[in-house]
Amino acid sequence: MALNVSVVSADREVWTGSAAQVIAKTVEGEIGILGGHEPLLAKLAQGEVRVTTADGEKVKVDAEGGFLSVDHDTVTIVAGRAALVQ
């Protein structure tokens, strides 16, 4: 079951696409999201968001502040600052 993922910062869309897994650092610890995950709203901590795409590609985003929302296999990450890591 694929996830629809959108990572945005205050001023732009950083990455969007289909994913198999998302791992993010929240203020309560690291969390992993797979298809079928229960609805969730969490406050992001400074750190790396790791996305494994449906094709197996690894995408890394350095994010700071904001929140992560999961609802019906849609993951939305809104960060105060976010940038792709090469």
PDB file of N, CA and C in Angstrom:
ATOM      1  N   MET A   1       0.846  -1.168   0.000  1.00  0.00           N
ATOM      2  CA  MET A   1       0.000   0.000   0.000  1.00  0.00           C
ATOM      3  C   MET A   1       0.900   1.243   0.000  1.00  0.00           C
ATOM      4  N   ALA A   2       0.799   2.057  -1.015  1.00  0.00           N
ATOM      5  CA  ALA A   2       1.661   3.225  -1.150  1.00  0.00           C
ATOM      6  C   ALA A   2       1.116   4.417  -0.366  1.00  0.00           C
ATOM      7  N   LEU A   3       2.048   5.242   0.065  1.00  0.00           N
ATOM      8  CA  LEU A   3       1.725   6.491   0.750  1.00  0.00           C
ATOM      9  C   LEU A   3       1.851   7.640  -0.238  1.00  0.00           C
ATOM     10  N   ASN A   4       0.990   8.618  -0.127  1.00  0.00           N
ATOM     11  CA  ASN A   4       1.130   9.865  -0.882  1.00  0.00           C
ATOM     12  C   ASN A   4       1.798  10.851   0.065  1.00  0.00           C
ATOM     13  N   VAL A   5       2.999  11.297  -0.299  1.00  0.00           N
ATOM     14  CA  VAL A   5       3.798  12.116   0.611  1.00  0.00           C
ATOM     15  C   VAL A   5       4.042  13.493   0.017  1.00  0.00           C
ATOM     16  N   SER A   6       3.929  14.504   0.866  1.00  0.00           N
ATOM     17  CA  SER A   6       4.224  15.878   0.482  1.00  0.00           C
ATOM     18  C   SER A   6       5.042  16.511   1.597  1.00  0.00           C
ATOM     19  N   VAL A   7       6.220  17.026   1.228  1.00  0.00           N
ATOM     20  CA  VAL A   7       7.084  17.737   2.182  1.00  0.00           C
ATOM     21  C   VAL A   7       7.190  19.175   1.698  1.00  0.00           C
ATOM     22  N   VAL A   8       6.737  20.107   2.543  1.00  0.00           N
ATOM     23  CA  VAL A   8       6.790  21.514   2.176  1.00  0.00           C
ATOM     24  C   VAL A   8       7.455  22.317   3.285  1.00  0.00           C
ATOM     25  N   SER A   9       8.082  23.412   2.880  1.00  0.00           N
ATOM     26  CA  SER A   9       8.625  24.366   3.852  1.00  0.00           C
ATOM     27  C   SER A   9       7.735  25.598   3.817  1.00  0.00           C
ATOM     28  N   ALA A  10       8.101  26.589   4.575  1.00  0.00           N
ATOM     29  CA  ALA A  10       7.290  27.803   4.650  1.00  0.00           C
ATOM     30  C   ALA A  10       7.150  28.492   3.294  1.00  0.00           C
ATOM     31  N   ASP A  11       8.129  28.305   2.404  1.00  0.00           N
ATOM     32  CA  ASP A  11       8.117  29.054   1.149  1.00  0.00           C
ATOM     33  C   ASP A  11       8.036  28.222  -0.130  1.00  0.00           C
ATOM     34  N   ARG A  12       8.070  26.868  -0.025  1.00  0.00           N
ATOM     35  CA  ARG A  12       8.037  26.076  -1.264  1.00  0.00           C
ATOM     36  C   ARG A  12       7.766  24.599  -0.988  1.00  0.00           C
ATOM     37  N   GLU A  13       7.413  23.890  -2.058  1.00  0.00           N
ATOM     38  CA  GLU A  13       7.288  22.443  -1.977  1.00  0.00           C
ATOM     39  C   GLU A  13       8.690  21.852  -2.145  1.00  0.00           C
ATOM     40  N   VAL A  14       9.096  20.988  -1.232  1.00  0.00           N
ATOM     41  CA  VAL A  14      10.438  20.404  -1.262  1.00  0.00           C
ATOM     42  C   VAL A  14      10.445  19.075  -2.000  1.00  0.00           C
ATOM     43  N   TRP A  15       9.473  18.212  -1.709  1.00  0.00           N
ATOM     44  CA  TRP A  15       9.373  16.921  -2.383  1.00  0.00           C
ATOM     45  C   TRP A  15       7.948  16.409  -2.273  1.00  0.00           C
ATOM     46  N   THR A  16       7.477  15.769  -3.337  1.00  0.00           N
ATOM     47  CA  THR A  16       6.172  15.122  -3.310  1.00  0.00           C
ATOM     48  C   THR A  16       6.234  13.876  -4.163  1.00  0.00           C
ATOM     49  N   GLY A  17       5.511  12.851  -3.759  1.00  0.00           N
ATOM     50  CA  GLY A  17       5.505  11.622  -4.538  1.00  0.00           C
ATOM     51  C   GLY A  17       4.919  10.462  -3.771  1.00  0.00           C
ATOM     52  N   SER A  18       5.051   9.294  -4.367  1.00  0.00           N
ATOM     53  CA  SER A  18       4.551   8.061  -3.782  1.00  0.00           C
ATOM     54  C   SER A  18       5.675   7.393  -3.009  1.00  0.00           C
ATOM     55  N   ALA A  19       5.362   6.864  -1.840  1.00  0.00           N
ATOM     56  CA  ALA A  19       6.401   6.272  -0.993  1.00  0.00           C
ATOM     57  C   ALA A  19       5.916   4.986  -0.338  1.00  0.00           C
ATOM     58  N   ALA A  20       6.873   4.147   0.006  1.00  0.00           N
ATOM     59  CA  ALA A  20       6.592   2.922   0.748  1.00  0.00           C
ATOM     60  C   ALA A  20       6.734   3.157   2.242  1.00  0.00           C
ATOM     61  N   GLN A  21       7.615   4.121   2.620  1.00  0.00           N
ATOM     62  CA  GLN A  21       7.906   4.354   4.035  1.00  0.00           C
ATOM     63  C   GLN A  21       8.399   5.779   4.246  1.00  0.00           C
ATOM     64  N   VAL A  22       8.039   6.345   5.405  1.00  0.00           N
ATOM     65  CA  VAL A  22       8.542   7.654   5.820  1.00  0.00           C
ATOM     66  C   VAL A  22       9.023   7.522   7.263  1.00  0.00           C
ATOM     67  N   ILE A  23      10.219   8.029   7.531  1.00  0.00           N
ATOM     68  CA  ILE A  23      10.745   8.060   8.899  1.00  0.00           C
ATOM     69  C   ILE A  23      11.075   9.510   9.212  1.00  0.00           C
ATOM     70  N   ALA A  24      10.581   9.996  10.353  1.00  0.00           N
ATOM     71  CA  ALA A  24      10.800  11.394  10.731  1.00  0.00           C
ATOM     72  C   ALA A  24      11.088  11.485  12.225  1.00  0.00           C
ATOM     73  N   LYS A  25      11.779  12.544  12.600  1.00  0.00           N
ATOM     74  CA  LYS A  25      12.090  12.793  14.007  1.00  0.00           C
ATOM     75  C   LYS A  25      11.056  13.769  14.563  1.00  0.00           C
ATOM     76  N   THR A  26      10.342  13.327  15.596  1.00  0.00           N
ATOM     77  CA  THR A  26       9.374  14.194  16.255  1.00  0.00           C
ATOM     78  C   THR A  26       9.920  14.578  17.628  1.00  0.00           C
ATOM     79  N   VAL A  27       9.241  15.466  18.315  1.00  0.00           N
ATOM     80  CA  VAL A  27       9.697  15.873  19.642  1.00  0.00           C
ATOM     81  C   VAL A  27       9.594  14.727  20.646  1.00  0.00           C
ATOM     82  N   GLU A  28       8.827  13.694  20.310  1.00  0.00           N
ATOM     83  CA  GLU A  28       8.691  12.529  21.189  1.00  0.00           C
ATOM     84  C   GLU A  28       9.551  11.351  20.743  1.00  0.00           C
ATOM     85  N   GLY A  29      10.336  11.520  19.680  1.00  0.00           N
ATOM     86  CA  GLY A  29      11.205  10.458  19.183  1.00  0.00           C
ATOM     87  C   GLY A  29      10.973  10.197  17.710  1.00  0.00           C
ATOM     88  N   GLU A  30      11.745   9.255  17.176  1.00  0.00           N
ATOM     89  CA  GLU A  30      11.650   8.928  15.763  1.00  0.00           C
ATOM     90  C   GLU A  30      10.416   8.065  15.504  1.00  0.00           C
ATOM     91  N   ILE A  31       9.758   8.312  14.369  1.00  0.00           N
ATOM     92  CA  ILE A  31       8.548   7.566  14.035  1.00  0.00           C
ATOM     93  C   ILE A  31       8.651   7.069  12.598  1.00  0.00           C
ATOM     94  N   GLY A  32       8.151   5.860  12.370  1.00  0.00           N
ATOM     95  CA  GLY A  32       8.099   5.282  11.031  1.00  0.00           C
ATOM     96  C   GLY A  32       6.654   5.159  10.590  1.00  0.00           C
ATOM     97  N   ILE A  33       6.395   5.523   9.346  1.00  0.00           N
ATOM     98  CA  ILE A  33       5.043   5.491   8.794  1.00  0.00           C
ATOM     99  C   ILE A  33       5.027   4.530   7.604  1.00  0.00           C
ATOM    100  N   LEU A  34       4.115   3.564   7.625  1.00  0.00           N
ATOM    101  CA  LEU A  34       3.884   2.644   6.517  1.00  0.00           C
ATOM    102  C   LEU A  34       2.430   2.773   6.086  1.00  0.00           C
ATOM    103  N   GLY A  35       2.076   2.197   4.949  1.00  0.00           N
ATOM    104  CA  GLY A  35       0.703   2.212   4.491  1.00  0.00           C
ATOM    105  C   GLY A  35      -0.230   1.632   5.544  1.00  0.00           C
ATOM    106  N   GLY A  36      -1.411   2.196   5.671  1.00  0.00           N
ATOM    107  CA  GLY A  36      -2.381   1.728   6.648  1.00  0.00           C
ATOM    108  C   GLY A  36      -2.180   2.271   8.050  1.00  0.00           C
ATOM    109  N   HIS A  37      -1.250   3.216   8.217  1.00  0.00           N
ATOM    110  CA  HIS A  37      -0.973   3.791   9.539  1.00  0.00           C
ATOM    111  C   HIS A  37      -2.200   4.531  10.062  1.00  0.00           C
ATOM    112  N   GLU A  38      -2.380   4.475  11.362  1.00  0.00           N
ATOM    113  CA  GLU A  38      -3.469   5.206  12.006  1.00  0.00           C
ATOM    114  C   GLU A  38      -3.280   6.714  11.808  1.00  0.00           C
ATOM    115  N   PRO A  39      -4.363   7.492  11.802  1.00  0.00           N
ATOM    116  CA  PRO A  39      -4.225   8.949  11.712  1.00  0.00           C
ATOM    117  C   PRO A  39      -3.349   9.470  12.850  1.00  0.00           C
ATOM    118  N   LEU A  40      -2.549  10.488  12.538  1.00  0.00           N
ATOM    119  CA  LEU A  40      -1.557  10.988  13.486  1.00  0.00           C
ATOM    120  C   LEU A  40      -1.255  12.453  13.196  1.00  0.00           C
ATOM    121  N   LEU A  41      -1.012  13.209  14.239  1.00  0.00           N
ATOM    122  CA  LEU A  41      -0.504  14.569  14.118  1.00  0.00           C
ATOM    123  C   LEU A  41       0.621  14.686  15.127  1.00  0.00           C
ATOM    124  N   ALA A  42       1.826  15.023  14.650  1.00  0.00           N
ATOM    125  CA  ALA A  42       2.997  15.097  15.529  1.00  0.00           C
ATOM    126  C   ALA A  42       3.797  16.351  15.233  1.00  0.00           C
ATOM    127  N   LYS A  43       4.432  16.882  16.264  1.00  0.00           N
ATOM    128  CA  LYS A  43       5.292  18.053  16.127  1.00  0.00           C
ATOM    129  C   LYS A  43       6.696  17.587  15.737  1.00  0.00           C
ATOM    130  N   LEU A  44       7.231  18.163  14.653  1.00  0.00           N
ATOM    131  CA  LEU A  44       8.564  17.789  14.186  1.00  0.00           C
ATOM    132  C   LEU A  44       9.658  18.378  15.066  1.00  0.00           C
ATOM    133  N   ALA A  45      10.719  17.608  15.234  1.00  0.00           N
ATOM    134  CA  ALA A  45      11.944  18.099  15.855  1.00  0.00           C
ATOM    135  C   ALA A  45      12.929  18.368  14.719  1.00  0.00           C
ATOM    136  N   GLN A  46      14.006  19.066  15.012  1.00  0.00           N
ATOM    137  CA  GLN A  46      15.033  19.290  13.997  1.00  0.00           C
ATOM    138  C   GLN A  46      15.680  17.959  13.680  1.00  0.00           C
ATOM    139  N   GLY A  47      15.783  17.643  12.399  1.00  0.00           N
ATOM    140  CA  GLY A  47      16.412  16.390  12.001  1.00  0.00           C
ATOM    141  C   GLY A  47      16.066  16.014  10.582  1.00  0.00           C
ATOM    142  N   GLU A  48      16.409  14.785  10.260  1.00  0.00           N
ATOM    143  CA  GLU A  48      16.252  14.298   8.900  1.00  0.00           C
ATOM    144  C   GLU A  48      14.942  13.534   8.734  1.00  0.00           C
ATOM    145  N   VAL A  49      14.252  13.811   7.652  1.00  0.00           N
ATOM    146  CA  VAL A  49      13.088  13.039   7.241  1.00  0.00           C
ATOM    147  C   VAL A  49      13.577  12.126   6.125  1.00  0.00           C
ATOM    148  N   ARG A  50      13.371  10.816   6.293  1.00  0.00           N
ATOM    149  CA  ARG A  50      13.822   9.850   5.301  1.00  0.00           C
ATOM    150  C   ARG A  50      12.607   9.209   4.632  1.00  0.00           C
ATOM    151  N   VAL A  51      12.581   9.302   3.319  1.00  0.00           N
ATOM    152  CA  VAL A  51      11.477   8.741   2.537  1.00  0.00           C
ATOM    153  C   VAL A  51      12.044   7.654   1.639  1.00  0.00           C
ATOM    154  N   THR A  52      11.425   6.479   1.671  1.00  0.00           N
ATOM    155  CA  THR A  52      11.743   5.418   0.717  1.00  0.00           C
ATOM    156  C   THR A  52      10.607   5.407  -0.288  1.00  0.00           C
ATOM    157  N   THR A  53      10.924   5.740  -1.531  1.00  0.00           N
ATOM    158  CA  THR A  53       9.889   5.840  -2.554  1.00  0.00           C
ATOM    159  C   THR A  53       9.345   4.461  -2.892  1.00  0.00           C
ATOM    160  N   ALA A  54       8.256   4.439  -3.632  1.00  0.00           N
ATOM    161  CA  ALA A  54       7.655   3.186  -4.071  1.00  0.00           C
ATOM    162  C   ALA A  54       8.622   2.387  -4.941  1.00  0.00           C
ATOM    163  N   ASP A  55       9.585   3.076  -5.596  1.00  0.00           N
ATOM    164  CA  ASP A  55      10.588   2.430  -6.448  1.00  0.00           C
ATOM    165  C   ASP A  55      11.848   2.037  -5.685  1.00  0.00           C
ATOM    166  N   GLY A  56      11.898   2.320  -4.369  1.00  0.00           N
ATOM    167  CA  GLY A  56      13.052   1.961  -3.561  1.00  0.00           C
ATOM    168  C   GLY A  56      14.109   3.045  -3.446  1.00  0.00           C
ATOM    169  N   GLU A  57      13.904   4.181  -4.084  1.00  0.00           N
ATOM    170  CA  GLU A  57      14.852   5.291  -4.003  1.00  0.00           C
ATOM    171  C   GLU A  57      14.777   5.920  -2.604  1.00  0.00           C
ATOM    172  N   LYS A  58      15.910   6.386  -2.108  1.00  0.00           N
ATOM    173  CA  LYS A  58      15.969   7.035  -0.793  1.00  0.00           C
ATOM    174  C   LYS A  58      16.027   8.546  -0.987  1.00  0.00           C
ATOM    175  N   VAL A  59      15.119   9.260  -0.331  1.00  0.00           N
ATOM    176  CA  VAL A  59      15.078  10.716  -0.366  1.00  0.00           C
ATOM    177  C   VAL A  59      15.271  11.196   1.065  1.00  0.00           C
ATOM    178  N   LYS A  60      16.194  12.152   1.251  1.00  0.00           N
ATOM    179  CA  LYS A  60      16.444  12.702   2.582  1.00  0.00           C
ATOM    180  C   LYS A  60      16.194  14.201   2.563  1.00  0.00           C
ATOM    181  N   VAL A  61      15.470  14.657   3.591  1.00  0.00           N
ATOM    182  CA  VAL A  61      15.157  16.073   3.725  1.00  0.00           C
ATOM    183  C   VAL A  61      15.563  16.513   5.124  1.00  0.00           C
ATOM    184  N   ASP A  62      16.345  17.580   5.210  1.00  0.00           N
ATOM    185  CA  ASP A  62      16.689  18.171   6.503  1.00  0.00           C
ATOM    186  C   ASP A  62      15.566  19.133   6.858  1.00  0.00           C
ATOM    187  N   ALA A  63      14.870  18.857   7.962  1.00  0.00           N
ATOM    188  CA  ALA A  63      13.704  19.656   8.333  1.00  0.00           C
ATOM    189  C   ALA A  63      13.867  20.219   9.738  1.00  0.00           C
ATOM    190  N   GLU A  64      13.249  21.367   9.948  1.00  0.00           N
ATOM    191  CA  GLU A  64      13.303  22.013  11.261  1.00  0.00           C
ATOM    192  C   GLU A  64      11.969  22.672  11.561  1.00  0.00           C
ATOM    193  N   GLY A  65      11.374  22.300  12.685  1.00  0.00           N
ATOM    194  CA  GLY A  65      10.107  22.891  13.099  1.00  0.00           C
ATOM    195  C   GLY A  65       8.953  22.453  12.226  1.00  0.00           C
ATOM    196  N   GLY A  66       7.752  22.584  12.728  1.00  0.00           N
ATOM    197  CA  GLY A  66       6.579  22.243  11.950  1.00  0.00           C
ATOM    198  C   GLY A  66       5.891  21.000  12.473  1.00  0.00           C
ATOM    199  N   PHE A  67       5.173  20.316  11.575  1.00  0.00           N
ATOM    200  CA  PHE A  67       4.421  19.144  12.010  1.00  0.00           C
ATOM    201  C   PHE A  67       4.340  18.100  10.910  1.00  0.00           C
ATOM    202  N   LEU A  68       3.944  16.897  11.309  1.00  0.00           N
ATOM    203  CA  LEU A  68       3.733  15.767  10.419  1.00  0.00           C
ATOM    204  C   LEU A  68       2.297  15.292  10.633  1.00  0.00           C
ATOM    205  N   SER A  69       1.585  15.076   9.553  1.00  0.00           N
ATOM    206  CA  SER A  69       0.207  14.616   9.622  1.00  0.00           C
ATOM    207  C   SER A  69       0.057  13.361   8.773  1.00  0.00           C
ATOM    208  N   VAL A  70      -0.658  12.361   9.306  1.00  0.00           N
ATOM    209  CA  VAL A  70      -0.967  11.142   8.565  1.00  0.00           C
ATOM    210  C   VAL A  70      -2.478  10.970   8.572  1.00  0.00           C
ATOM    211  N   ASP A  71      -3.062  10.782   7.376  1.00  0.00           N
ATOM    212  CA  ASP A  71      -4.500  10.549   7.274  1.00  0.00           C
ATOM    213  C   ASP A  71      -4.793   9.828   5.962  1.00  0.00           C
ATOM    214  N   HIS A  72      -5.387   8.642   6.040  1.00  0.00           N
ATOM    215  CA  HIS A  72      -5.770   7.861   4.859  1.00  0.00           C
ATOM    216  C   HIS A  72      -4.608   7.688   3.870  1.00  0.00           C
ATOM    217  N   ASP A  73      -3.462   7.217   4.348  1.00  0.00           N
ATOM    218  CA  ASP A  73      -2.267   6.964   3.531  1.00  0.00           C
ATOM    219  C   ASP A  73      -1.729   8.221   2.854  1.00  0.00           C
ATOM    220  N   THR A  74      -2.046   9.373   3.422  1.00  0.00           N
ATOM    221  CA  THR A  74      -1.471  10.636   2.968  1.00  0.00           C
ATOM    222  C   THR A  74      -0.635  11.199   4.104  1.00  0.00           C
ATOM    223  N   VAL A  75       0.650  11.427   3.814  1.00  0.00           N
ATOM    224  CA  VAL A  75       1.573  11.985   4.805  1.00  0.00           C
ATOM    225  C   VAL A  75       1.928  13.396   4.356  1.00  0.00           C
ATOM    226  N   THR A  76       1.649  14.362   5.216  1.00  0.00           N
ATOM    227  CA  THR A  76       1.966  15.754   4.926  1.00  0.00           C
ATOM    228  C   THR A  76       2.943  16.241   5.981  1.00  0.00           C
ATOM    229  N   ILE A  77       4.083  16.749   5.520  1.00  0.00           N
ATOM    230  CA  ILE A  77       5.081  17.310   6.422  1.00  0.00           C
ATOM    231  C   ILE A  77       5.230  18.778   6.086  1.00  0.00           C
ATOM    232  N   VAL A  78       4.905  19.617   7.051  1.00  0.00           N
ATOM    233  CA  VAL A  78       5.021  21.068   6.892  1.00  0.00           C
ATOM    234  C   VAL A  78       6.085  21.531   7.864  1.00  0.00           C
ATOM    235  N   ALA A  79       7.190  22.018   7.327  1.00  0.00           N
ATOM    236  CA  ALA A  79       8.316  22.434   8.154  1.00  0.00           C
ATOM    237  C   ALA A  79       8.571  23.931   7.986  1.00  0.00           C
ATOM    238  N   GLY A  80       9.060  24.561   9.052  1.00  0.00           N
ATOM    239  CA  GLY A  80       9.442  25.966   8.963  1.00  0.00           C
ATOM    240  C   GLY A  80      10.595  26.156   7.990  1.00  0.00           C
ATOM    241  N   ARG A  81      11.504  25.173   7.984  1.00  0.00           N
ATOM    242  CA  ARG A  81      12.637  25.168   7.063  1.00  0.00           C
ATOM    243  C   ARG A  81      12.869  23.731   6.639  1.00  0.00           C
ATOM    244  N   ALA A  82      13.036  23.493   5.338  1.00  0.00           N
ATOM    245  CA  ALA A  82      13.300  22.153   4.829  1.00  0.00           C
ATOM    246  C   ALA A  82      14.098  22.244   3.527  1.00  0.00           C
ATOM    247  N   ALA A  83      15.054  21.320   3.381  1.00  0.00           N
ATOM    248  CA  ALA A  83      15.871  21.280   2.167  1.00  0.00           C
ATOM    249  C   ALA A  83      16.284  19.844   1.891  1.00  0.00           C
ATOM    250  N   LEU A  84      16.306  19.487   0.606  1.00  0.00           N
ATOM    251  CA  LEU A  84      16.775  18.155   0.218  1.00  0.00           C
ATOM    252  C   LEU A  84      18.241  18.004   0.596  1.00  0.00           C
ATOM    253  N   VAL A  85      18.601  16.812   1.058  1.00  0.00           N
ATOM    254  CA  VAL A  85      19.989  16.477   1.374  1.00  0.00           C
ATOM    255  C   VAL A  85      20.533  15.667   0.214  1.00  0.00           C
ATOM    256  N   GLN A  86      21.673  16.064  -0.320  1.00  0.00           N
ATOM    257  CA  GLN A  86      22.273  15.350  -1.469  1.00  0.00           C
ATOM    258  C   GLN A  86      23.036  14.144  -1.049  1.00  0.00           C
TER     259      GLN A  86
END
